[in-house]
Amino acid sequence: MLLWVGLGNPGEKYQKQRHNIGFMIVEKIASQHSFTPWKNKMKARICEGEIAGQKIILLKPQLFINKSGEPLSQVARFYKISLDSIYVFYDDIDLKPGKVKIKNGGGHGGHNGIRNIDENMGKNYWRIRTGIGRPEKKELVQKWVLNDFSSEEQRSWLNFLLQIIATESNKLAERNPELFMSRVSLLTNTEIKMRKENQITGDLNGI
């Protein structure tokens, strides 16, 4: 059994914010792979399903993001899931938009949700960082992560990145995180390149 966790803030007003991309990812996985309906359990939203013959629990902590470790640790203990079977999706301002990196263990990089998980559970779980970019000025970072994705961001990379991650999640279920990361990177870069070329063609045709 694997536990896949998306980080974000609970509540309707936070749904489309950059900080909530972890929630968006697990929601897309649940929808694409026909998981059970979401239910409330242990201060979290949980659903279950199967990918590549592997049982998966999807989790959205329902405390604010800086307390994510509390419900996650409760759920992990309840289902007796070890750290190396836990995968956490979250936003990273130090990665370019749409870029995905995965590793086991490491630091929190200033992310308060990851910091709290480390404090509650230790560090040897899988971290899946998803780039959201950063503003030019450091003092605008908090406003940046707590603002909604723009329509342009949704069109230019977010929507198809969520689709690609959900489609390629079978690689994670098969415990092949490196292949998952390389496939997501390849498909995302290909899609971005194609869209840019189509935009340039469209602009030239309009001259």
C-alpha atoms as a PDB file:
ATOM      1  CA  MET A   1       0.000   0.000   0.000  1.00  0.00           C
ATOM      2  CA  LEU A   2       1.219   3.492  -0.925  1.00  0.00           C
ATOM      3  CA  LEU A   3       0.195   6.849   0.523  1.00  0.00           C
ATOM      4  CA  TRP A   4       0.233   9.807  -1.871  1.00  0.00           C
ATOM      5  CA  VAL A   5      -0.220  13.185  -0.213  1.00  0.00           C
ATOM      6  CA  GLY A   6      -1.035  16.553  -1.758  1.00  0.00           C
ATOM      7  CA  LEU A   7      -0.262  19.669   0.267  1.00  0.00           C
ATOM      8  CA  GLY A   8      -2.445  22.758   0.305  1.00  0.00           C
ATOM      9  CA  ASN A   9      -4.742  24.861   2.430  1.00  0.00           C
ATOM     10  CA  PRO A  10      -8.328  23.674   3.049  1.00  0.00           C
ATOM     11  CA  GLY A  11     -11.276  25.824   2.059  1.00  0.00           C
ATOM     12  CA  GLU A  12     -12.845  27.083  -1.153  1.00  0.00           C
ATOM     13  CA  LYS A  13     -10.963  30.391  -1.261  1.00  0.00           C
ATOM     14  CA  TYR A  14      -7.611  28.565  -1.467  1.00  0.00           C
ATOM     15  CA  GLN A  15      -8.557  26.047  -4.165  1.00  0.00           C
ATOM     16  CA  LYS A  16      -6.874  27.713  -7.151  1.00  0.00           C
ATOM     17  CA  GLN A  17      -3.867  29.191  -5.363  1.00  0.00           C
ATOM     18  CA  ARG A  18      -0.314  28.267  -6.365  1.00  0.00           C
ATOM     19  CA  HIS A  19       0.331  26.930  -2.844  1.00  0.00           C
ATOM     20  CA  ASN A  20      -2.414  24.339  -3.471  1.00  0.00           C
ATOM     21  CA  ILE A  21      -0.918  22.593  -6.472  1.00  0.00           C
ATOM     22  CA  GLY A  22      -0.422  19.484  -4.309  1.00  0.00           C
ATOM     23  CA  PHE A  23      -4.182  19.271  -3.756  1.00  0.00           C
ATOM     24  CA  MET A  24      -4.766  19.771  -7.492  1.00  0.00           C
ATOM     25  CA  ILE A  25      -2.435  16.894  -8.368  1.00  0.00           C
ATOM     26  CA  VAL A  26      -4.036  14.282  -6.118  1.00  0.00           C
ATOM     27  CA  GLU A  27      -7.513  15.436  -7.153  1.00  0.00           C
ATOM     28  CA  LYS A  28      -6.573  14.902 -10.804  1.00  0.00           C
ATOM     29  CA  ILE A  29      -5.156  11.453 -10.033  1.00  0.00           C
ATOM     30  CA  ALA A  30      -8.325  10.488  -8.149  1.00  0.00           C
ATOM     31  CA  SER A  31     -10.536  11.655 -10.999  1.00  0.00           C
ATOM     32  CA  GLN A  32      -8.556  10.053 -13.815  1.00  0.00           C
ATOM     33  CA  HIS A  33      -8.179   6.684 -12.089  1.00  0.00           C
ATOM     34  CA  SER A  34     -11.745   6.476 -10.721  1.00  0.00           C
ATOM     35  CA  PHE A  35     -10.862   6.409  -7.029  1.00  0.00           C
ATOM     36  CA  THR A  36     -13.547   6.213  -4.336  1.00  0.00           C
ATOM     37  CA  PRO A  37     -15.311   9.441  -3.324  1.00  0.00           C
ATOM     38  CA  TRP A  38     -13.372  11.674  -0.928  1.00  0.00           C
ATOM     39  CA  LYS A  39     -14.280  11.240   2.745  1.00  0.00           C
ATOM     40  CA  ASN A  40     -13.304  12.973   5.975  1.00  0.00           C
ATOM     41  CA  LYS A  41     -10.990  11.000   8.250  1.00  0.00           C
ATOM     42  CA  MET A  42      -8.418  11.989  10.879  1.00  0.00           C
ATOM     43  CA  LYS A  43      -8.409  15.705   9.980  1.00  0.00           C
ATOM     44  CA  ALA A  44      -7.929  14.887   6.319  1.00  0.00           C
ATOM     45  CA  ARG A  45      -9.764  14.134   3.088  1.00  0.00           C
ATOM     46  CA  ILE A  46      -9.036  10.593   1.919  1.00  0.00           C
ATOM     47  CA  CYS A  47      -9.896   8.435  -1.066  1.00  0.00           C
ATOM     48  CA  GLU A  48      -8.660   5.034  -2.221  1.00  0.00           C
ATOM     49  CA  GLY A  49      -8.037   3.255  -5.478  1.00  0.00           C
ATOM     50  CA  GLU A  50      -5.685   1.094  -7.479  1.00  0.00           C
ATOM     51  CA  ILE A  51      -3.054   1.958 -10.062  1.00  0.00           C
ATOM     52  CA  ALA A  52      -0.881  -0.621 -11.827  1.00  0.00           C
ATOM     53  CA  GLY A  53      -2.162  -3.294  -9.429  1.00  0.00           C
ATOM     54  CA  GLN A  54      -1.052  -1.301  -6.391  1.00  0.00           C
ATOM     55  CA  LYS A  55      -3.468  -0.035  -3.722  1.00  0.00           C
ATOM     56  CA  ILE A  56      -3.121   3.718  -3.280  1.00  0.00           C
ATOM     57  CA  ILE A  57      -4.466   6.035  -0.586  1.00  0.00           C
ATOM     58  CA  LEU A  58      -4.707   9.702  -1.597  1.00  0.00           C
ATOM     59  CA  LEU A  59      -4.625  12.265   1.196  1.00  0.00           C
ATOM     60  CA  LYS A  60      -5.355  15.984   1.504  1.00  0.00           C
ATOM     61  CA  PRO A  61      -4.594  17.242   5.046  1.00  0.00           C
ATOM     62  CA  GLN A  62      -7.382  19.518   6.273  1.00  0.00           C
ATOM     63  CA  LEU A  63      -5.324  21.600   8.683  1.00  0.00           C
ATOM     64  CA  PHE A  64      -3.487  24.586   7.262  1.00  0.00           C
ATOM     65  CA  ILE A  65      -0.425  23.693   5.252  1.00  0.00           C
ATOM     66  CA  ASN A  66       2.044  24.433   8.054  1.00  0.00           C
ATOM     67  CA  LYS A  67       0.362  21.693  10.128  1.00  0.00           C
ATOM     68  CA  SER A  68       0.268  19.059   7.376  1.00  0.00           C
ATOM     69  CA  GLY A  69       2.399  16.601   9.332  1.00  0.00           C
ATOM     70  CA  GLU A  70      -0.181  16.047  12.049  1.00  0.00           C
ATOM     71  CA  PRO A  71      -2.949  14.375   9.974  1.00  0.00           C
ATOM     72  CA  LEU A  72      -0.381  12.708   7.716  1.00  0.00           C
ATOM     73  CA  SER A  73       1.355  11.022  10.649  1.00  0.00           C
ATOM     74  CA  GLN A  74      -2.006   9.870  12.065  1.00  0.00           C
ATOM     75  CA  VAL A  75      -3.079   8.329   8.772  1.00  0.00           C
ATOM     76  CA  ALA A  76       0.313   6.680   8.209  1.00  0.00           C
ATOM     77  CA  ARG A  77       0.194   5.086  11.656  1.00  0.00           C
ATOM     78  CA  PHE A  78      -3.412   3.951  11.226  1.00  0.00           C
ATOM     79  CA  TYR A  79      -2.689   2.197   7.912  1.00  0.00           C
ATOM     80  CA  LYS A  80       0.814   1.092   9.023  1.00  0.00           C
ATOM     81  CA  ILE A  81       2.496   2.740   6.040  1.00  0.00           C
ATOM     82  CA  SER A  82       6.272   3.149   6.185  1.00  0.00           C
ATOM     83  CA  LEU A  83       8.042   6.378   5.263  1.00  0.00           C
ATOM     84  CA  ASP A  84       9.465   4.982   2.022  1.00  0.00           C
ATOM     85  CA  SER A  85       5.900   4.271   0.835  1.00  0.00           C
ATOM     86  CA  ILE A  86       4.822   7.905   1.303  1.00  0.00           C
ATOM     87  CA  TYR A  87       4.977  10.383  -1.596  1.00  0.00           C
ATOM     88  CA  VAL A  88       4.256  14.078  -0.983  1.00  0.00           C
ATOM     89  CA  PHE A  89       3.357  16.491  -3.814  1.00  0.00           C
ATOM     90  CA  TYR A  90       3.924  20.183  -3.124  1.00  0.00           C
ATOM     91  CA  ASP A  91       4.804  23.543  -4.667  1.00  0.00           C
ATOM     92  CA  ASP A  92       8.353  24.848  -5.067  1.00  0.00           C
ATOM     93  CA  ILE A  93       9.151  28.459  -5.955  1.00  0.00           C
ATOM     94  CA  ASP A  94      12.766  27.585  -6.792  1.00  0.00           C
ATOM     95  CA  LEU A  95      11.742  25.416  -9.762  1.00  0.00           C
ATOM     96  CA  LYS A  96      10.552  26.833 -13.063  1.00  0.00           C
ATOM     97  CA  PRO A  97       6.794  26.543 -13.675  1.00  0.00           C
ATOM     98  CA  GLY A  98       5.902  22.982 -14.655  1.00  0.00           C
ATOM     99  CA  LYS A  99       9.255  21.500 -13.645  1.00  0.00           C
ATOM    100  CA  VAL A 100       9.018  18.384 -11.427  1.00  0.00           C
ATOM    101  CA  LYS A 101      11.751  16.928  -9.215  1.00  0.00           C
ATOM    102  CA  ILE A 102      11.563  13.865  -6.958  1.00  0.00           C
ATOM    103  CA  LYS A 103      13.871  12.547  -4.252  1.00  0.00           C
ATOM    104  CA  ASN A 104      13.767  10.614  -1.005  1.00  0.00           C
ATOM    105  CA  GLY A 105      14.722  12.635   2.061  1.00  0.00           C
ATOM    106  CA  GLY A 106      16.440  16.002   2.051  1.00  0.00           C
ATOM    107  CA  GLY A 107      15.650  19.422   3.469  1.00  0.00           C
ATOM    108  CA  HIS A 108      12.422  21.388   3.593  1.00  0.00           C
ATOM    109  CA  GLY A 109      13.731  24.248   1.436  1.00  0.00           C
ATOM    110  CA  GLY A 110      11.744  26.769   3.446  1.00  0.00           C
ATOM    111  CA  HIS A 111       8.407  25.050   2.763  1.00  0.00           C
ATOM    112  CA  ASN A 112       6.472  25.096   6.036  1.00  0.00           C
ATOM    113  CA  GLY A 113       4.348  22.079   5.142  1.00  0.00           C
ATOM    114  CA  ILE A 114       7.420  19.943   4.518  1.00  0.00           C
ATOM    115  CA  ARG A 115       9.081  21.348   7.620  1.00  0.00           C
ATOM    116  CA  ASN A 116       6.113  20.193   9.725  1.00  0.00           C
ATOM    117  CA  ILE A 117       6.084  16.731   8.150  1.00  0.00           C
ATOM    118  CA  ASP A 118       9.798  16.381   8.883  1.00  0.00           C
ATOM    119  CA  GLU A 119       9.179  17.341  12.511  1.00  0.00           C
ATOM    120  CA  ASN A 120       6.297  14.886  12.912  1.00  0.00           C
ATOM    121  CA  MET A 121       7.558  11.922  10.905  1.00  0.00           C
ATOM    122  CA  GLY A 122      11.224  12.217   9.987  1.00  0.00           C
ATOM    123  CA  LYS A 123      12.694  12.914   6.556  1.00  0.00           C
ATOM    124  CA  ASN A 124      12.917   9.639   4.649  1.00  0.00           C
ATOM    125  CA  TYR A 125       9.765   9.941   2.555  1.00  0.00           C
ATOM    126  CA  TRP A 126       9.498  10.812  -1.149  1.00  0.00           C
ATOM    127  CA  ARG A 127       9.242  14.526  -1.965  1.00  0.00           C
ATOM    128  CA  ILE A 128       7.775  15.535  -5.318  1.00  0.00           C
ATOM    129  CA  ARG A 129       8.465  19.210  -5.876  1.00  0.00           C
ATOM    130  CA  THR A 130       6.405  20.960  -8.536  1.00  0.00           C
ATOM    131  CA  GLY A 131       7.691  24.283  -9.814  1.00  0.00           C
ATOM    132  CA  ILE A 132       5.474  27.344  -9.652  1.00  0.00           C
ATOM    133  CA  GLY A 133       8.206  29.927 -10.294  1.00  0.00           C
ATOM    134  CA  ARG A 134       8.835  32.976  -8.143  1.00  0.00           C
ATOM    135  CA  PRO A 135       8.259  36.726  -8.372  1.00  0.00           C
ATOM    136  CA  GLU A 136      11.187  39.039  -9.121  1.00  0.00           C
ATOM    137  CA  LYS A 137      11.133  40.604  -5.657  1.00  0.00           C
ATOM    138  CA  LYS A 138      11.657  38.453  -2.547  1.00  0.00           C
ATOM    139  CA  GLU A 139       9.145  40.440  -0.510  1.00  0.00           C
ATOM    140  CA  LEU A 140       6.387  39.368  -2.937  1.00  0.00           C
ATOM    141  CA  VAL A 141       6.888  35.616  -2.404  1.00  0.00           C
ATOM    142  CA  GLN A 142       4.099  35.143   0.158  1.00  0.00           C
ATOM    143  CA  LYS A 143       1.610  37.036  -1.994  1.00  0.00           C
ATOM    144  CA  TRP A 144       2.748  35.020  -5.018  1.00  0.00           C
ATOM    145  CA  VAL A 145       2.131  31.577  -3.504  1.00  0.00           C
ATOM    146  CA  LEU A 146      -1.209  32.651  -1.997  1.00  0.00           C
ATOM    147  CA  ASN A 147      -2.571  34.059  -5.247  1.00  0.00           C
ATOM    148  CA  ASP A 148      -4.564  32.041  -7.782  1.00  0.00           C
ATOM    149  CA  PHE A 149      -2.895  30.632 -10.875  1.00  0.00           C
ATOM    150  CA  SER A 150      -3.538  33.059 -13.704  1.00  0.00           C
ATOM    151  CA  SER A 151      -5.572  32.053 -16.752  1.00  0.00           C
ATOM    152  CA  GLU A 152      -2.366  32.183 -18.774  1.00  0.00           C
ATOM    153  CA  GLU A 153      -0.565  29.817 -16.380  1.00  0.00           C
ATOM    154  CA  GLN A 154      -3.465  27.388 -16.534  1.00  0.00           C
ATOM    155  CA  ARG A 155      -3.456  27.416 -20.341  1.00  0.00           C
ATOM    156  CA  SER A 156       0.301  27.432 -20.909  1.00  0.00           C
ATOM    157  CA  TRP A 157       1.385  24.645 -18.534  1.00  0.00           C
ATOM    158  CA  LEU A 158      -0.711  23.868 -15.440  1.00  0.00           C
ATOM    159  CA  ASN A 159      -3.671  22.025 -16.938  1.00  0.00           C
ATOM    160  CA  PHE A 160      -1.635  19.680 -19.109  1.00  0.00           C
ATOM    161  CA  LEU A 161       0.979  19.147 -16.364  1.00  0.00           C
ATOM    162  CA  LEU A 162      -1.752  17.854 -14.029  1.00  0.00           C
ATOM    163  CA  GLN A 163      -2.943  15.551 -16.814  1.00  0.00           C
ATOM    164  CA  ILE A 164       0.572  14.254 -17.504  1.00  0.00           C
ATOM    165  CA  ILE A 165       1.267  13.571 -13.819  1.00  0.00           C
ATOM    166  CA  ALA A 166      -2.000  11.657 -13.457  1.00  0.00           C
ATOM    167  CA  THR A 167      -1.304   9.639 -16.622  1.00  0.00           C
ATOM    168  CA  GLU A 168       2.281   8.804 -15.647  1.00  0.00           C
ATOM    169  CA  SER A 169       1.427   8.045 -12.009  1.00  0.00           C
ATOM    170  CA  ASN A 170       1.521   4.338 -12.827  1.00  0.00           C
ATOM    171  CA  LYS A 171       5.335   4.701 -12.747  1.00  0.00           C
ATOM    172  CA  LEU A 172       5.094   5.842  -9.118  1.00  0.00           C
ATOM    173  CA  ALA A 173       2.750   2.968  -8.310  1.00  0.00           C
ATOM    174  CA  GLU A 174       5.372   0.616  -9.731  1.00  0.00           C
ATOM    175  CA  ARG A 175       7.964   2.265  -7.430  1.00  0.00           C
ATOM    176  CA  ASN A 176       9.933   3.707 -10.302  1.00  0.00           C
ATOM    177  CA  PRO A 177      10.142   7.387  -9.318  1.00  0.00           C
ATOM    178  CA  GLU A 178      13.083   8.179 -11.620  1.00  0.00           C
ATOM    179  CA  LEU A 179      11.162   6.973 -14.675  1.00  0.00           C
ATOM    180  CA  PHE A 180       8.115   8.932 -13.494  1.00  0.00           C
ATOM    181  CA  MET A 181      10.173  12.113 -13.255  1.00  0.00           C
ATOM    182  CA  SER A 182      11.847  11.660 -16.642  1.00  0.00           C
ATOM    183  CA  ARG A 183       8.531  10.883 -18.389  1.00  0.00           C
ATOM    184  CA  VAL A 184       6.790  13.896 -16.851  1.00  0.00           C
ATOM    185  CA  SER A 185       9.718  16.118 -17.833  1.00  0.00           C
ATOM    186  CA  LEU A 186       9.842  14.808 -21.400  1.00  0.00           C
ATOM    187  CA  LEU A 187       6.101  15.087 -22.017  1.00  0.00           C
ATOM    188  CA  THR A 188       5.814  18.502 -20.367  1.00  0.00           C
ATOM    189  CA  ASN A 189       8.746  19.968 -22.309  1.00  0.00           C
ATOM    190  CA  THR A 190       7.377  18.525 -25.554  1.00  0.00           C
ATOM    191  CA  GLU A 191       3.952  20.045 -24.921  1.00  0.00           C
ATOM    192  CA  ILE A 192       5.367  23.451 -24.005  1.00  0.00           C
ATOM    193  CA  LYS A 193       7.599  23.466 -27.104  1.00  0.00           C
ATOM    194  CA  MET A 194       4.707  22.481 -29.370  1.00  0.00           C
ATOM    195  CA  ARG A 195       2.469  25.201 -27.958  1.00  0.00           C
ATOM    196  CA  LYS A 196       5.174  27.834 -28.407  1.00  0.00           C
ATOM    197  CA  GLU A 197       5.710  26.756 -32.014  1.00  0.00           C
ATOM    198  CA  ASN A 198       1.970  26.879 -32.671  1.00  0.00           C
ATOM    199  CA  GLN A 199       1.819  30.348 -31.128  1.00  0.00           C
ATOM    200  CA  ILE A 200       4.654  31.590 -33.318  1.00  0.00           C
ATOM    201  CA  THR A 201       2.995  30.077 -36.399  1.00  0.00           C
ATOM    202  CA  GLY A 202      -0.284  31.702 -35.465  1.00  0.00           C
ATOM    203  CA  ASP A 203       1.399  35.067 -34.965  1.00  0.00           C
ATOM    204  CA  LEU A 204       3.148  34.824 -38.358  1.00  0.00           C
ATOM    205  CA  ASN A 205      -0.080  33.883 -40.093  1.00  0.00           C
ATOM    206  CA  GLY A 206      -1.684  36.935 -38.582  1.00  0.00           C
ATOM    207  CA  ILE A 207       0.880  39.293 -40.108  1.00  0.00           C
END
